[in-house]
Amino acid sequence: MHVWDIIYLGLVALGFSLACDTDEDCSLNGLCIDGTEGHQASERSGIMSKTCQCDPGWFGEDCGRLDLAPATRYTGYNYTNVTNPSYYGKYGNSSWGGQILQDTTDPTLFHLFTSQFSYGCGLSGWRPHSFIIRAESRNGPQGPYHFAETVAPAFRHNPYVFFSPADNKYLLYTIGVDAPKPEKCQSISYTKWPNNISVASSDSIHGPWTPFQMILSSDEPQSTNPAPWPLWSPEDPTSQVIMGVEGNAIFVSDRWNGEYKLMYTQRWNTSNYSPRWTEDPFFWRDKRGNWHTLTHWMIDLVEHDGQKWPRVGAHMYARSLTGPWHFKLQEAFNSTIAYTDGSVVTLKRRERPKVFFSDDGEMTPLYLINGVQDMNESSRSYTLIQPIGTAWKQYEEELGV
C-alpha cells in the first residue's frame, strides 16, 4: 500500500473525509478543513484539498451519521412484561420514546419523561391510552429507569421537557386532550380526540405541574409532535421559544405560553408519505449557533410497501431557522442495533428520536433515545437508550456510575 493511501485511511479513521467546499458539505456537524492548514497529506496525495473534520458523535464522509456505540441490554425503560388483573390487554407497561434530564440538585439522579400506555393496551392503543410518566435512574443516563410517578393522565402523548432559564421553570409540552378514563383497549381517531399541542409548567422537575394550556390547535397544518427549543442564551436572555412540529415546520412565540406563529415551512413536505416526508422532529442549536433536527424518516414505508425498517432516521440542518434547510437523502441512523453482548438485532420500529447532550458547552451528543418495537410485535413497545461516540464513557466515569 502506498504511504499516501495509509495516510488517507488514517484521516478517514480520525473523522476526515474526501469532499467538501463548505461546512454545509459536512452537515454542519464538523468543519471543512483546508488541506494546506495542517493536512497537507491529502493535498499532496492528489485526493482533495479540503476534508470534513467531524465533531464527536458524528461520522461519514459528510459527518451526517450518528456514531452509535453498542447498546446495553435491559437498560432504558422496558416494563412490557408487567401483568395486572385490572389490565384490559397483554402488552404490559409499554412505552414510547422519552427525554432524559439530569437532576440539578443531585447530579447522579436522572429523569426520563416518557409516554406509557395504560391497562396493558400497548402502542396500538396509544390514543386514548397514552399518559405521561416520570421514571428515575441512579445508574447514569442509560438506566435502567424505574417508574416514579404519573405526571399527566391519559390522553397525553409525546412529552418534551426542558428547563427555561428565562422563566426559572420546567416546561412540559405534549399533544392530547383531557379525556375520560378508557374502559377497554381501543384506538380512537384523531378527529374525535385531536392532537392539540399544550404546555404546562412547574417550579420543580418533581412537580406539581400547572393545568395544560393549549397553544396550538390541530386545525393548524401539521400541528402535532412538538419539538420546542428555548432561544435563551447568556448573551441574549430572551423568553422566546421556537417549536418544530410534524414535517419540521417551525413556530415561534415571545413566551412559552404565548401565541405561536408560523415562522417557516419546509419545502419538501408537500404531501403525506412522499419520499421526504418525516415525523417526530427533535430540534437543537449547536455550539456554533447552527440548527439541526433529527426525525423519523418514512422512506421504507414508501419504497417497500409499508415496511417500517431499517432506514428510519434523517438529519436536517441550517444556519438559520428560516433556512435554507438541507435534507440529504441518506439515513442518519437505522433500526439495526449492536449490543455489548455481541448480538445484533434489527428492530421493526425505531422512532421518536431525542438526544441527550453534554453540559460543557460543546453540545456533544451522548445518548440517543427512541421508542422501539421488536420484530414480530404488534403492540408491545419500549424505550431504548443507546450511547453515541465515546464521550459518554468519560461522562459516566465522572458521575461515578
Protein backbone atom coordinates (compact mmCIF):
# COMPACT_ATOMS: atom_id res chain seq x y z
CA MET A 1 0.00 0.00 0.00
CA HIS A 2 1.26 3.48 -0.91
CA VAL A 3 2.17 5.73 2.01
CA TRP A 4 -0.42 8.32 0.97
CA ASP A 5 -3.11 5.62 0.92
CA ILE A 6 -2.18 4.80 4.51
CA ILE A 7 -2.36 8.47 5.47
CA TYR A 8 -5.75 8.80 3.75
CA LEU A 9 -7.16 5.81 5.61
CA GLY A 10 -5.87 7.29 8.83
CA LEU A 11 -7.62 10.59 8.08
CA VAL A 12 -10.90 8.77 7.49
CA ALA A 13 -10.49 6.89 10.77
CA LEU A 14 -9.94 10.19 12.59
CA GLY A 15 -13.16 11.64 11.21
CA PHE A 16 -11.89 13.23 7.99
CA SER A 17 -13.48 12.62 4.59
CA LEU A 18 -12.79 13.40 0.97
CA ALA A 19 -15.03 16.07 -0.47
CA CYS A 20 -16.10 19.42 0.92
CA ASP A 21 -16.11 23.06 -0.07
CA THR A 22 -18.10 24.49 2.85
CA ASP A 23 -19.19 23.40 6.32
CA GLU A 24 -22.60 22.63 4.83
CA ASP A 25 -20.89 19.77 2.97
CA CYS A 26 -20.05 18.46 6.45
CA SER A 27 -23.73 18.63 7.54
CA LEU A 28 -22.77 21.46 9.92
CA ASN A 29 -21.63 18.61 12.19
CA GLY A 30 -18.00 19.45 11.57
CA LEU A 31 -15.66 21.79 9.74
CA CYS A 32 -14.43 21.75 6.16
CA ILE A 33 -10.69 21.96 6.76
CA ASP A 34 -8.29 23.34 4.19
CA GLY A 35 -5.69 20.68 3.40
CA THR A 36 -2.94 23.30 3.37
CA GLU A 37 -3.55 24.09 7.05
CA GLY A 38 -2.19 21.11 8.86
CA HIS A 39 -3.43 18.42 6.47
CA GLN A 40 -1.05 18.73 3.58
CA ALA A 41 -1.02 14.95 3.21
CA SER A 42 -4.37 14.85 1.47
CA GLU A 43 -3.35 17.66 -0.89
CA ARG A 44 0.00 16.09 -1.83
CA SER A 45 -1.69 12.76 -2.44
CA GLY A 46 -3.95 14.40 -5.01
CA ILE A 47 -7.11 13.28 -3.22
CA MET A 48 -8.67 16.60 -2.18
CA SER A 49 -7.52 19.91 -0.74
CA LYS A 50 -10.32 20.01 1.82
CA THR A 51 -11.81 17.40 4.11
CA CYS A 52 -14.57 17.21 6.70
CA GLN A 53 -13.39 17.03 10.29
CA CYS A 54 -16.41 15.63 12.11
CA ASP A 55 -17.47 16.74 15.56
CA PRO A 56 -17.51 14.00 18.22
CA GLY A 57 -20.57 11.80 17.87
CA TRP A 58 -20.82 12.06 14.08
CA PHE A 59 -19.12 10.21 11.24
CA GLY A 60 -19.27 9.60 7.50
CA GLU A 61 -17.84 11.45 4.52
CA ASP A 62 -20.26 14.30 5.22
CA CYS A 63 -20.47 13.86 9.03
CA GLY A 64 -24.14 13.06 8.51
CA ARG A 65 -24.48 9.88 10.57
CA LEU A 66 -24.65 9.39 14.32
CA ASP A 67 -21.70 7.37 15.60
CA LEU A 68 -23.71 4.93 17.70
CA ALA A 69 -21.86 2.76 20.22
CA PRO A 70 -23.16 -0.68 21.28
CA ALA A 71 -26.24 -0.54 23.50
CA THR A 72 -26.51 -2.44 26.78
CA ARG A 73 -29.42 -4.81 27.13
CA TYR A 74 -32.02 -4.18 29.84
CA THR A 75 -31.22 -0.50 30.16
CA GLY A 76 -33.62 2.22 29.03
CA TYR A 77 -37.21 1.73 30.19
CA ASN A 78 -38.83 -1.63 29.47
CA TYR A 79 -41.72 -3.00 31.52
CA THR A 80 -43.54 -4.76 28.71
CA ASN A 81 -43.88 -7.99 30.73
CA VAL A 82 -45.87 -6.42 33.58
CA THR A 83 -49.25 -8.04 34.26
CA ASN A 84 -52.13 -6.93 36.45
CA PRO A 85 -55.66 -8.28 36.94
CA SER A 86 -57.09 -4.83 36.13
CA TYR A 87 -55.40 -4.69 32.71
CA TYR A 88 -57.50 -4.94 29.55
CA GLY A 89 -54.60 -6.05 27.35
CA LYS A 90 -51.47 -8.22 27.41
CA TYR A 91 -48.75 -5.74 26.44
CA GLY A 92 -47.60 -4.68 29.90
CA ASN A 93 -46.48 -1.14 30.61
CA SER A 94 -45.38 -0.41 27.06
CA SER A 95 -43.75 2.97 26.48
CA TRP A 96 -42.68 5.08 23.54
CA GLY A 97 -39.53 7.19 23.45
CA GLY A 98 -38.79 9.80 26.06
CA GLN A 99 -36.46 12.55 27.16
CA ILE A 100 -33.63 12.44 29.70
CA LEU A 101 -32.92 15.26 32.16
CA GLN A 102 -30.22 15.35 34.82
CA ASP A 103 -31.34 16.47 38.27
CA THR A 104 -29.97 19.92 39.06
CA THR A 105 -29.55 19.26 42.80
CA ASP A 106 -28.46 15.61 42.61
CA PRO A 107 -26.24 15.02 39.55
CA THR A 108 -26.31 11.23 39.98
CA LEU A 109 -30.11 11.20 39.53
CA PHE A 110 -31.55 11.12 36.02
CA HIS A 111 -35.18 11.57 34.99
CA LEU A 112 -36.93 10.09 31.98
CA PHE A 113 -40.22 11.60 30.82
CA THR A 114 -41.99 9.16 28.51
CA SER A 115 -45.35 8.12 27.13
CA GLN A 116 -46.72 4.95 28.73
CA PHE A 117 -49.85 3.07 27.68
CA SER A 118 -52.37 2.22 30.37
CA TYR A 119 -54.08 -1.07 31.18
CA GLY A 120 -51.68 -3.20 29.14
CA CYS A 121 -53.08 -1.87 25.87
CA GLY A 122 -49.75 -1.16 24.17
CA LEU A 123 -48.69 1.04 21.28
CA SER A 124 -51.64 0.20 19.03
CA GLY A 125 -53.90 1.84 21.61
CA TRP A 126 -51.75 4.94 22.10
CA ARG A 127 -54.82 7.09 21.57
CA PRO A 128 -56.57 7.07 24.08
CA HIS A 129 -54.29 5.11 26.47
CA SER A 130 -51.13 7.24 26.40
CA PHE A 131 -50.25 9.12 29.58
CA ILE A 132 -47.06 10.82 30.78
CA ILE A 133 -44.83 9.35 33.46
CA ARG A 134 -41.54 10.26 35.06
CA ALA A 135 -39.04 7.48 35.69
CA GLU A 136 -35.71 7.63 37.54
CA SER A 137 -32.24 6.14 37.20
CA ARG A 138 -29.34 6.02 39.66
CA ASN A 139 -27.26 4.13 37.10
CA GLY A 140 -26.50 7.04 34.79
CA PRO A 141 -28.36 8.26 31.71
CA GLN A 142 -28.63 4.77 30.16
CA GLY A 143 -30.66 3.44 33.09
CA PRO A 144 -32.40 1.16 33.65
CA TYR A 145 -35.15 3.58 34.67
CA HIS A 146 -37.86 2.77 37.19
CA PHE A 147 -41.33 4.28 37.40
CA ALA A 148 -41.50 7.24 39.79
CA GLU A 149 -44.83 8.98 39.19
CA THR A 150 -47.65 9.76 36.79
CA VAL A 151 -47.19 13.31 35.52
CA ALA A 152 -50.30 13.66 33.34
CA PRO A 153 -53.18 11.17 32.89
CA ALA A 154 -54.50 9.99 29.53
CA PHE A 155 -54.83 11.30 26.99
CA ARG A 156 -51.40 12.93 26.83
CA HIS A 157 -48.62 11.83 24.47
CA ASN A 158 -45.09 12.65 23.27
CA PRO A 159 -43.68 14.69 26.17
CA TYR A 160 -40.93 17.24 25.68
CA VAL A 161 -39.49 18.79 28.84
CA PHE A 162 -36.82 21.44 29.34
CA PHE A 163 -35.77 23.96 31.96
CA SER A 164 -36.35 27.55 30.87
CA PRO A 165 -33.66 29.87 32.33
CA ALA A 166 -35.71 32.88 31.23
CA ASP A 167 -38.69 31.78 33.34
CA ASN A 168 -36.92 29.71 36.01
CA LYS A 169 -39.41 26.93 35.33
CA TYR A 170 -39.62 23.48 33.82
CA LEU A 171 -41.86 23.42 30.75
CA LEU A 172 -43.71 20.30 29.60
CA TYR A 173 -45.10 20.17 26.06
CA THR A 174 -47.41 17.34 24.95
CA ILE A 175 -50.16 16.52 22.50
CA GLY A 176 -53.58 15.40 23.65
CA VAL A 177 -56.79 16.43 25.37
CA ASP A 178 -58.41 15.95 28.77
CA ALA A 179 -60.39 12.74 28.41
CA PRO A 180 -62.40 10.21 30.42
CA LYS A 181 -60.84 7.01 31.71
CA PRO A 182 -60.63 4.35 28.95
CA GLU A 183 -62.81 1.28 29.60
CA LYS A 184 -61.21 -1.12 27.13
CA CYS A 185 -58.28 -1.42 24.72
CA GLN A 186 -59.22 0.58 21.65
CA SER A 187 -57.94 3.11 19.14
CA ILE A 188 -59.73 6.44 18.78
CA SER A 189 -59.49 8.65 15.71
CA TYR A 190 -57.71 12.00 15.91
CA THR A 191 -60.91 13.58 14.57
CA LYS A 192 -62.53 12.73 17.92
CA TRP A 193 -59.51 13.36 20.16
CA PRO A 194 -57.29 15.83 18.29
CA ASN A 195 -53.52 16.21 18.55
CA ASN A 196 -53.69 19.67 20.07
CA ILE A 197 -50.34 20.87 21.45
CA SER A 198 -50.43 22.02 25.07
CA VAL A 199 -47.91 23.16 27.67
CA ALA A 200 -47.68 23.02 31.46
CA SER A 201 -45.09 24.42 33.85
CA SER A 202 -43.57 23.57 37.22
CA ASP A 203 -41.05 25.11 39.58
CA SER A 204 -39.62 21.62 40.17
CA ILE A 205 -38.94 18.63 37.98
CA HIS A 206 -40.91 16.66 40.57
CA GLY A 207 -43.99 18.84 40.02
CA PRO A 208 -46.71 19.77 40.71
CA TRP A 209 -47.49 20.86 37.16
CA THR A 210 -49.95 23.57 36.21
CA PRO A 211 -53.02 22.62 34.17
CA PHE A 212 -52.23 22.21 30.48
CA GLN A 213 -52.80 25.24 28.30
CA MET A 214 -53.44 24.66 24.59
CA ILE A 215 -51.02 26.67 22.46
CA LEU A 216 -51.58 25.16 19.01
CA SER A 217 -54.79 23.67 17.71
CA SER A 218 -54.87 20.65 15.44
CA ASP A 219 -56.59 22.96 12.94
CA GLU A 220 -53.12 24.33 12.20
CA PRO A 221 -51.35 22.35 9.44
CA GLN A 222 -49.12 19.57 10.79
CA SER A 223 -49.63 20.77 14.39
CA THR A 224 -48.62 17.66 16.28
CA ASN A 225 -45.49 16.23 17.92
CA PRO A 226 -43.99 19.40 19.42
CA ALA A 227 -40.22 19.95 19.42
CA PRO A 228 -39.59 23.18 21.37
CA TRP A 229 -36.21 24.80 22.00
CA PRO A 230 -35.62 27.97 24.07
CA LEU A 231 -33.80 30.79 22.29
CA TRP A 232 -32.34 31.98 25.62
CA SER A 233 -28.57 32.29 25.88
CA PRO A 234 -26.28 34.10 28.33
CA GLU A 235 -25.64 36.71 25.63
CA ASP A 236 -29.35 37.05 24.79
CA PRO A 237 -31.57 36.21 27.80
CA THR A 238 -34.77 36.18 25.75
CA SER A 239 -38.03 34.43 26.67
CA GLN A 240 -38.65 33.41 23.06
CA VAL A 241 -39.24 29.74 22.26
CA ILE A 242 -39.25 28.06 18.87
CA MET A 243 -41.30 24.95 18.30
CA GLY A 244 -40.88 22.48 15.48
CA VAL A 245 -43.84 20.29 14.59
CA GLU A 246 -44.67 17.43 12.25
CA GLY A 247 -42.93 17.86 8.91
CA ASN A 248 -40.37 20.19 10.56
CA ALA A 249 -42.42 23.34 10.19
CA ILE A 250 -41.26 25.93 12.74
CA PHE A 251 -43.34 28.19 15.02
CA VAL A 252 -42.08 30.93 17.35
CA SER A 253 -43.51 32.62 20.44
CA ASP A 254 -42.35 35.54 22.58
CA ARG A 255 -43.01 33.44 25.69
CA TRP A 256 -43.67 29.81 26.48
CA ASN A 257 -47.43 30.21 26.96
CA GLY A 258 -47.95 32.91 24.35
CA GLU A 259 -49.14 32.85 20.75
CA TYR A 260 -47.08 30.57 18.50
CA LYS A 261 -46.79 31.97 14.99
CA LEU A 262 -45.69 30.04 11.92
CA MET A 263 -42.14 31.08 11.01
CA TYR A 264 -41.10 28.59 8.34
CA THR A 265 -42.49 25.65 6.38
CA GLN A 266 -40.14 23.13 4.83
CA ARG A 267 -40.35 22.94 1.04
CA TRP A 268 -40.06 19.17 0.78
CA ASN A 269 -43.11 18.19 2.84
CA THR A 270 -45.77 18.70 0.22
CA SER A 271 -47.86 15.57 0.82
CA ASN A 272 -48.11 12.69 3.26
CA TYR A 273 -45.81 9.74 2.53
CA SER A 274 -43.80 11.49 -0.12
CA PRO A 275 -40.17 10.26 -0.24
CA ARG A 276 -39.09 13.13 2.02
CA TRP A 277 -41.99 13.05 4.48
CA THR A 278 -40.89 12.98 8.10
CA GLU A 279 -42.39 12.98 11.60
CA ASP A 280 -41.31 13.12 15.26
CA PRO A 281 -38.87 16.05 14.96
CA PHE A 282 -36.20 16.86 17.52
CA PHE A 283 -34.64 20.32 17.14
CA TRP A 284 -31.46 21.74 18.69
CA ARG A 285 -28.96 24.58 18.29
CA ASP A 286 -25.30 23.53 18.28
CA LYS A 287 -22.24 25.21 19.81
CA ARG A 288 -21.70 27.28 16.64
CA GLY A 289 -25.30 28.53 16.59
CA ASN A 290 -26.40 26.30 13.72
CA TRP A 291 -29.74 24.49 13.78
CA HIS A 292 -30.38 20.77 13.40
CA THR A 293 -33.23 18.32 13.56
CA LEU A 294 -33.39 14.54 13.80
CA THR A 295 -36.61 12.95 12.62
CA HIS A 296 -38.26 9.65 11.96
CA TRP A 297 -37.99 9.26 8.18
CA MET A 298 -40.66 7.20 6.43
CA ILE A 299 -38.52 6.16 3.45
CA ASP A 300 -39.01 2.39 3.70
CA LEU A 301 -42.71 2.90 4.33
CA VAL A 302 -42.86 4.46 0.88
CA GLU A 303 -40.40 2.29 -1.04
CA HIS A 304 -41.21 -1.08 0.50
CA ASP A 305 -45.00 -1.06 0.79
CA GLY A 306 -45.42 -0.08 4.42
CA GLN A 307 -42.22 -1.61 5.82
CA LYS A 308 -41.02 0.34 8.87
CA TRP A 309 -37.34 -0.68 8.93
CA PRO A 310 -34.32 -0.39 8.71
CA ARG A 311 -33.83 3.15 7.32
CA VAL A 312 -35.58 5.20 9.96
CA GLY A 313 -33.64 8.38 10.84
CA ALA A 314 -32.91 11.58 8.94
CA HIS A 315 -30.85 14.66 9.83
CA MET A 316 -31.56 18.17 8.55
CA TYR A 317 -29.56 21.33 9.21
CA ALA A 318 -29.43 25.07 8.57
CA ARG A 319 -27.51 28.13 9.67
CA SER A 320 -30.78 29.97 10.30
CA LEU A 321 -34.22 28.84 11.44
CA THR A 322 -35.64 30.25 8.23
CA GLY A 323 -33.24 28.27 6.10
CA PRO A 324 -32.14 27.25 3.70
CA TRP A 325 -32.54 23.82 5.32
CA HIS A 326 -30.60 20.90 3.89
CA PHE A 327 -32.09 17.42 3.66
CA LYS A 328 -29.77 14.72 2.35
CA LEU A 329 -31.50 11.56 1.22
CA GLN A 330 -29.50 9.27 3.46
CA GLU A 331 -30.03 7.71 6.85
CA ALA A 332 -28.66 9.37 9.98
CA PHE A 333 -29.36 6.19 11.98
CA ASN A 334 -31.14 2.92 11.31
CA SER A 335 -33.01 0.27 13.28
CA THR A 336 -30.16 -2.27 13.46
CA ILE A 337 -28.77 -2.32 17.00
CA ALA A 338 -25.41 -3.75 18.06
CA TYR A 339 -25.36 -4.77 21.74
CA THR A 340 -22.46 -5.02 24.15
CA ASP A 341 -23.04 -8.79 24.43
CA GLY A 342 -22.05 -9.15 20.76
CA SER A 343 -25.55 -9.67 19.37
CA VAL A 344 -27.02 -7.61 16.55
CA VAL A 345 -30.78 -7.08 16.17
CA THR A 346 -32.88 -5.26 13.59
CA LEU A 347 -35.95 -3.70 15.17
CA LYS A 348 -39.31 -3.45 13.48
CA ARG A 349 -39.73 0.17 14.56
CA ARG A 350 -37.35 2.82 15.85
CA GLU A 351 -38.95 6.23 16.04
CA ARG A 352 -39.30 9.44 18.06
CA PRO A 353 -35.57 10.33 18.31
CA LYS A 354 -34.28 12.61 21.05
CA VAL A 355 -30.67 13.31 22.05
CA PHE A 356 -29.06 13.92 25.45
CA PHE A 357 -26.08 16.31 25.10
CA SER A 358 -23.04 17.13 27.20
CA ASP A 359 -23.40 20.13 29.51
CA ASP A 360 -19.90 21.52 28.96
CA GLY A 361 -20.86 23.99 26.24
CA GLU A 362 -19.75 21.67 23.43
CA MET A 363 -23.22 20.16 22.84
CA THR A 364 -21.64 16.77 22.22
CA PRO A 365 -24.33 14.13 21.61
CA LEU A 366 -24.00 11.45 24.30
CA TYR A 367 -27.13 9.28 24.05
CA LEU A 368 -29.91 8.63 21.52
CA ILE A 369 -33.38 7.88 22.93
CA ASN A 370 -36.05 6.16 20.81
CA GLY A 371 -39.36 4.43 21.05
CA VAL A 372 -38.78 0.93 19.64
CA GLN A 373 -40.60 -2.26 18.83
CA ASP A 374 -39.10 -5.70 18.30
CA MET A 375 -39.70 -7.62 15.11
CA ASN A 376 -42.95 -9.63 15.03
CA GLU A 377 -44.51 -7.47 17.75
CA SER A 378 -47.86 -5.83 17.10
CA SER A 379 -48.28 -3.57 20.13
CA ARG A 380 -45.58 -4.22 22.75
CA SER A 381 -43.01 -1.37 22.76
CA TYR A 382 -40.36 0.19 25.00
CA THR A 383 -37.77 2.95 25.31
CA LEU A 384 -34.23 2.28 24.05
CA ILE A 385 -31.23 4.40 25.07
CA GLN A 386 -28.02 3.97 23.06
CA PRO A 387 -24.65 5.71 23.65
CA ILE A 388 -23.15 7.90 20.94
CA GLY A 389 -19.44 8.11 20.11
CA THR A 390 -17.01 7.81 23.02
CA ALA A 391 -17.50 10.97 25.13
CA TRP A 392 -20.25 9.25 27.13
CA LYS A 393 -17.63 7.00 28.74
CA GLN A 394 -15.83 9.90 30.40
CA TYR A 395 -19.18 11.43 31.28
CA GLU A 396 -20.21 8.29 33.17
CA GLU A 397 -16.79 7.90 34.78
CA GLU A 398 -17.03 11.42 36.18
CA LEU A 399 -20.51 10.60 37.51
CA GLY A 400 -19.11 7.51 39.19
CA VAL A 401 -21.59 5.11 37.58
